């Protein structure tokens, strides 16, 4: 099993100059926790995730916490002026479509990341998240004969 077998295709992406508010909307609308960042040529240049919004920058409290902790006026105007490039993680690790799942899991654990963009010639073709891996594990377990294959079975109804 490899990345192509478990990835979400058509992953939402943003550009470095995308306003942070727009990136936040995409995260919420798609119920995801991170987005690949691509340049004008659609080449992967980084990743923006929930943790980027919470991580301190330059020894300061994270801007999101400033926004939530006070009346938010100054923090809101600061946040409105920020772009994805101001918070994104650069040098994002990516995998190829033929990367084995065990290597993907090892990379996620080693680098403490929740998702890895899948790229072909530098262009994002999908994303593998921990959720994708858990879903694949469940599908594999359900397809296996024997007790493990009964994982998807519903418990019998109780008669009262």
C-alpha atoms as a PDB file:
ATOM      1  CA  UNK A   1       0.000   0.000   0.000  1.00  0.00           C
ATOM      2  CA  UNK A   2       1.349   3.435  -0.891  1.00  0.00           C
ATOM      3  CA  UNK A   3       0.405   7.132  -0.814  1.00  0.00           C
ATOM      4  CA  UNK A   4      -1.773   6.844  -3.936  1.00  0.00           C
ATOM      5  CA  UNK A   5      -3.911   4.229  -2.151  1.00  0.00           C
ATOM      6  CA  UNK A   6      -4.704   6.378   0.885  1.00  0.00           C
ATOM      7  CA  UNK A   7      -4.328  10.047  -0.115  1.00  0.00           C
ATOM      8  CA  UNK A   8      -7.051  12.608  -0.543  1.00  0.00           C
ATOM      9  CA  UNK A   9      -6.846  13.907  -4.094  1.00  0.00           C
ATOM     10  CA  UNK A  10      -7.697  17.448  -5.073  1.00  0.00           C
ATOM     11  CA  UNK A  11      -6.316  18.830  -1.823  1.00  0.00           C
ATOM     12  CA  UNK A  12      -7.173  22.465  -1.175  1.00  0.00           C
ATOM     13  CA  UNK A  13      -4.112  24.700  -1.465  1.00  0.00           C
ATOM     14  CA  UNK A  14      -3.269  28.333  -0.809  1.00  0.00           C
ATOM     15  CA  UNK A  15      -0.592  30.688  -2.091  1.00  0.00           C
ATOM     16  CA  UNK A  16       1.908  32.507   0.125  1.00  0.00           C
ATOM     17  CA  UNK A  17       0.125  35.842  -0.483  1.00  0.00           C
ATOM     18  CA  UNK A  18      -3.284  34.461   0.556  1.00  0.00           C
ATOM     19  CA  UNK A  19      -4.746  36.437   3.486  1.00  0.00           C
ATOM     20  CA  UNK A  20      -4.668  34.437   6.729  1.00  0.00           C
ATOM     21  CA  UNK A  21      -8.407  34.937   7.170  1.00  0.00           C
ATOM     22  CA  UNK A  22      -9.026  33.170   3.857  1.00  0.00           C
ATOM     23  CA  UNK A  23      -6.774  30.273   4.886  1.00  0.00           C
ATOM     24  CA  UNK A  24      -8.668  30.002   8.171  1.00  0.00           C
ATOM     25  CA  UNK A  25     -11.964  29.879   6.267  1.00  0.00           C
ATOM     26  CA  UNK A  26     -10.666  27.019   4.110  1.00  0.00           C
ATOM     27  CA  UNK A  27      -9.559  25.085   7.180  1.00  0.00           C
ATOM     28  CA  UNK A  28     -12.983  25.485   8.777  1.00  0.00           C
ATOM     29  CA  UNK A  29     -15.051  24.918   5.607  1.00  0.00           C
ATOM     30  CA  UNK A  30     -13.188  21.749   4.660  1.00  0.00           C
ATOM     31  CA  UNK A  31     -12.835  20.554   8.275  1.00  0.00           C
ATOM     32  CA  UNK A  32      -9.108  20.097   7.847  1.00  0.00           C
ATOM     33  CA  UNK A  33      -6.154  21.127   9.972  1.00  0.00           C
ATOM     34  CA  UNK A  34      -3.595  22.068   7.323  1.00  0.00           C
ATOM     35  CA  UNK A  35      -3.113  23.284   3.765  1.00  0.00           C
ATOM     36  CA  UNK A  36      -0.243  22.923   1.316  1.00  0.00           C
ATOM     37  CA  UNK A  37       1.132  26.281   0.163  1.00  0.00           C
ATOM     38  CA  UNK A  38       1.978  26.518  -3.538  1.00  0.00           C
ATOM     39  CA  UNK A  39       3.571  29.216  -5.667  1.00  0.00           C
ATOM     40  CA  UNK A  40       2.265  30.701  -8.936  1.00  0.00           C
ATOM     41  CA  UNK A  41       3.567  27.624 -10.792  1.00  0.00           C
ATOM     42  CA  UNK A  42       1.646  25.334  -8.397  1.00  0.00           C
ATOM     43  CA  UNK A  43       4.920  24.097  -6.860  1.00  0.00           C
ATOM     44  CA  UNK A  44       4.903  23.199  -3.170  1.00  0.00           C
ATOM     45  CA  UNK A  45       6.655  25.866  -1.074  1.00  0.00           C
ATOM     46  CA  UNK A  46       5.316  25.153   2.401  1.00  0.00           C
ATOM     47  CA  UNK A  47       2.431  24.216   4.640  1.00  0.00           C
ATOM     48  CA  UNK A  48       0.104  26.195   6.883  1.00  0.00           C
ATOM     49  CA  UNK A  49      -1.613  24.390   9.736  1.00  0.00           C
ATOM     50  CA  UNK A  50      -3.529  25.043  12.909  1.00  0.00           C
ATOM     51  CA  UNK A  51      -0.300  24.767  14.870  1.00  0.00           C
ATOM     52  CA  UNK A  52       1.205  27.640  12.855  1.00  0.00           C
ATOM     53  CA  UNK A  53      -1.556  29.893  14.180  1.00  0.00           C
ATOM     54  CA  UNK A  54      -0.807  28.834  17.762  1.00  0.00           C
ATOM     55  CA  UNK A  55       3.003  28.802  17.702  1.00  0.00           C
ATOM     56  CA  UNK A  56       4.808  31.853  19.079  1.00  0.00           C
ATOM     57  CA  UNK A  57       6.655  34.009  16.571  1.00  0.00           C
ATOM     58  CA  UNK A  58       9.870  35.790  17.553  1.00  0.00           C
ATOM     59  CA  UNK A  59       9.449  35.166  21.272  1.00  0.00           C
ATOM     60  CA  UNK A  60       5.939  36.636  21.372  1.00  0.00           C
ATOM     61  CA  UNK A  61       2.636  35.075  22.266  1.00  0.00           C
ATOM     62  CA  UNK A  62       0.875  33.638  19.242  1.00  0.00           C
ATOM     63  CA  UNK A  63      -1.260  36.291  17.554  1.00  0.00           C
ATOM     64  CA  UNK A  64      -4.347  34.114  17.814  1.00  0.00           C
ATOM     65  CA  UNK A  65      -4.008  34.074  21.597  1.00  0.00           C
ATOM     66  CA  UNK A  66      -3.645  37.867  21.614  1.00  0.00           C
ATOM     67  CA  UNK A  67      -6.840  38.115  19.585  1.00  0.00           C
ATOM     68  CA  UNK A  68      -8.742  35.822  21.938  1.00  0.00           C
ATOM     69  CA  UNK A  69      -7.289  37.230  25.169  1.00  0.00           C
ATOM     70  CA  UNK A  70      -8.272  40.899  24.814  1.00  0.00           C
ATOM     71  CA  UNK A  71     -10.789  43.071  22.991  1.00  0.00           C
ATOM     72  CA  UNK A  72      -9.041  42.011  19.826  1.00  0.00           C
ATOM     73  CA  UNK A  73      -8.968  45.377  18.061  1.00  0.00           C
ATOM     74  CA  UNK A  74      -5.211  45.620  17.598  1.00  0.00           C
ATOM     75  CA  UNK A  75      -4.762  41.889  17.124  1.00  0.00           C
ATOM     76  CA  UNK A  76      -7.635  41.744  14.615  1.00  0.00           C
ATOM     77  CA  UNK A  77      -6.105  44.468  12.453  1.00  0.00           C
ATOM     78  CA  UNK A  78      -2.705  42.751  12.713  1.00  0.00           C
ATOM     79  CA  UNK A  79      -4.253  39.422  11.776  1.00  0.00           C
ATOM     80  CA  UNK A  80      -6.081  40.994   8.835  1.00  0.00           C
ATOM     81  CA  UNK A  81      -2.793  42.343   7.497  1.00  0.00           C
ATOM     82  CA  UNK A  82      -0.997  39.012   7.685  1.00  0.00           C
ATOM     83  CA  UNK A  83      -0.560  36.618   4.787  1.00  0.00           C
ATOM     84  CA  UNK A  84      -0.014  32.872   4.776  1.00  0.00           C
ATOM     85  CA  UNK A  85       3.707  33.463   4.134  1.00  0.00           C
ATOM     86  CA  UNK A  86       3.958  35.227   7.514  1.00  0.00           C
ATOM     87  CA  UNK A  87       3.093  32.057   9.464  1.00  0.00           C
ATOM     88  CA  UNK A  88       3.597  29.095   7.135  1.00  0.00           C
ATOM     89  CA  UNK A  89       6.156  26.402   7.640  1.00  0.00           C
ATOM     90  CA  UNK A  90       8.637  26.394   4.786  1.00  0.00           C
ATOM     91  CA  UNK A  91      10.586  23.387   3.545  1.00  0.00           C
ATOM     92  CA  UNK A  92       7.547  21.161   3.981  1.00  0.00           C
ATOM     93  CA  UNK A  93       8.244  17.468   3.749  1.00  0.00           C
ATOM     94  CA  UNK A  94       6.342  15.789   0.945  1.00  0.00           C
ATOM     95  CA  UNK A  95       6.035  12.272  -0.400  1.00  0.00           C
ATOM     96  CA  UNK A  96       5.567  10.788  -3.860  1.00  0.00           C
ATOM     97  CA  UNK A  97       2.487   8.846  -4.948  1.00  0.00           C
ATOM     98  CA  UNK A  98       4.473   5.607  -4.751  1.00  0.00           C
ATOM     99  CA  UNK A  99       5.839   6.194  -1.229  1.00  0.00           C
ATOM    100  CA  UNK A 100       5.006   3.148   0.933  1.00  0.00           C
ATOM    101  CA  UNK A 101       2.600   3.749   3.803  1.00  0.00           C
ATOM    102  CA  UNK A 102       5.104   2.506   6.391  1.00  0.00           C
ATOM    103  CA  UNK A 103       7.545   5.201   5.234  1.00  0.00           C
ATOM    104  CA  UNK A 104       4.786   7.829   5.432  1.00  0.00           C
ATOM    105  CA  UNK A 105       3.989   6.835   9.022  1.00  0.00           C
ATOM    106  CA  UNK A 106       7.679   6.896   9.913  1.00  0.00           C
ATOM    107  CA  UNK A 107       8.069  10.408   8.424  1.00  0.00           C
ATOM    108  CA  UNK A 108       4.984  11.674  10.265  1.00  0.00           C
ATOM    109  CA  UNK A 109       6.288  10.307  13.557  1.00  0.00           C
ATOM    110  CA  UNK A 110       9.878  11.494  13.054  1.00  0.00           C
ATOM    111  CA  UNK A 111       8.840  15.034  12.106  1.00  0.00           C
ATOM    112  CA  UNK A 112       5.776  15.225  14.381  1.00  0.00           C
ATOM    113  CA  UNK A 113       3.421  16.197  11.549  1.00  0.00           C
ATOM    114  CA  UNK A 114      -0.204  15.268  10.982  1.00  0.00           C
ATOM    115  CA  UNK A 115      -0.228  15.416   7.211  1.00  0.00           C
ATOM    116  CA  UNK A 116       2.125  15.142   4.259  1.00  0.00           C
ATOM    117  CA  UNK A 117       1.517  16.640   0.841  1.00  0.00           C
ATOM    118  CA  UNK A 118       1.820  14.175  -2.021  1.00  0.00           C
ATOM    119  CA  UNK A 119       3.704  15.753  -4.911  1.00  0.00           C
ATOM    120  CA  UNK A 120       4.687  14.799  -8.436  1.00  0.00           C
ATOM    121  CA  UNK A 121       7.490  16.904  -9.910  1.00  0.00           C
ATOM    122  CA  UNK A 122       6.954  19.407  -7.086  1.00  0.00           C
ATOM    123  CA  UNK A 123       3.223  19.842  -7.765  1.00  0.00           C
ATOM    124  CA  UNK A 124       0.695  18.824  -5.123  1.00  0.00           C
ATOM    125  CA  UNK A 125      -1.528  15.983  -6.313  1.00  0.00           C
ATOM    126  CA  UNK A 126      -2.964  15.062  -2.926  1.00  0.00           C
ATOM    127  CA  UNK A 127      -2.403  14.895   0.797  1.00  0.00           C
ATOM    128  CA  UNK A 128      -2.066  12.051   3.277  1.00  0.00           C
ATOM    129  CA  UNK A 129      -3.349  12.794   6.753  1.00  0.00           C
ATOM    130  CA  UNK A 130      -3.394  10.670   9.877  1.00  0.00           C
ATOM    131  CA  UNK A 131      -7.128  10.334   9.301  1.00  0.00           C
ATOM    132  CA  UNK A 132      -6.483   8.875   5.817  1.00  0.00           C
ATOM    133  CA  UNK A 133      -4.182   6.294   7.382  1.00  0.00           C
ATOM    134  CA  UNK A 134      -6.691   5.353  10.092  1.00  0.00           C
ATOM    135  CA  UNK A 135      -9.437   4.977   7.462  1.00  0.00           C
ATOM    136  CA  UNK A 136      -7.160   2.741   5.369  1.00  0.00           C
ATOM    137  CA  UNK A 137      -6.380   0.646   8.448  1.00  0.00           C
ATOM    138  CA  UNK A 138     -10.092   0.188   9.114  1.00  0.00           C
ATOM    139  CA  UNK A 139     -10.797  -0.755   5.477  1.00  0.00           C
ATOM    140  CA  UNK A 140      -7.978  -3.295   5.547  1.00  0.00           C
ATOM    141  CA  UNK A 141      -9.208  -4.747   8.850  1.00  0.00           C
ATOM    142  CA  UNK A 142     -12.777  -5.034   7.556  1.00  0.00           C
ATOM    143  CA  UNK A 143     -11.580  -6.800   4.398  1.00  0.00           C
ATOM    144  CA  UNK A 144      -9.606  -9.366   6.399  1.00  0.00           C
ATOM    145  CA  UNK A 145     -11.321 -12.709   7.041  1.00  0.00           C
ATOM    146  CA  UNK A 146     -11.684 -13.754  10.650  1.00  0.00           C
ATOM    147  CA  UNK A 147     -12.333 -11.780  13.841  1.00  0.00           C
ATOM    148  CA  UNK A 148     -10.559  -8.616  12.592  1.00  0.00           C
ATOM    149  CA  UNK A 149     -12.921  -8.478   9.601  1.00  0.00           C
ATOM    150  CA  UNK A 150     -15.864  -8.052  11.937  1.00  0.00           C
ATOM    151  CA  UNK A 151     -14.665  -4.635  13.114  1.00  0.00           C
ATOM    152  CA  UNK A 152     -17.234  -2.891  10.937  1.00  0.00           C
ATOM    153  CA  UNK A 153     -20.109  -5.064  12.096  1.00  0.00           C
ATOM    154  CA  UNK A 154     -22.718  -3.380  14.217  1.00  0.00           C
ATOM    155  CA  UNK A 155     -23.545  -4.885  17.581  1.00  0.00           C
ATOM    156  CA  UNK A 156     -26.827  -6.795  17.659  1.00  0.00           C
ATOM    157  CA  UNK A 157     -29.887  -4.840  18.729  1.00  0.00           C
ATOM    158  CA  UNK A 158     -30.976  -5.425  22.263  1.00  0.00           C
ATOM    159  CA  UNK A 159     -34.573  -6.446  22.789  1.00  0.00           C
ATOM    160  CA  UNK A 160     -36.192  -5.009  25.835  1.00  0.00           C
END
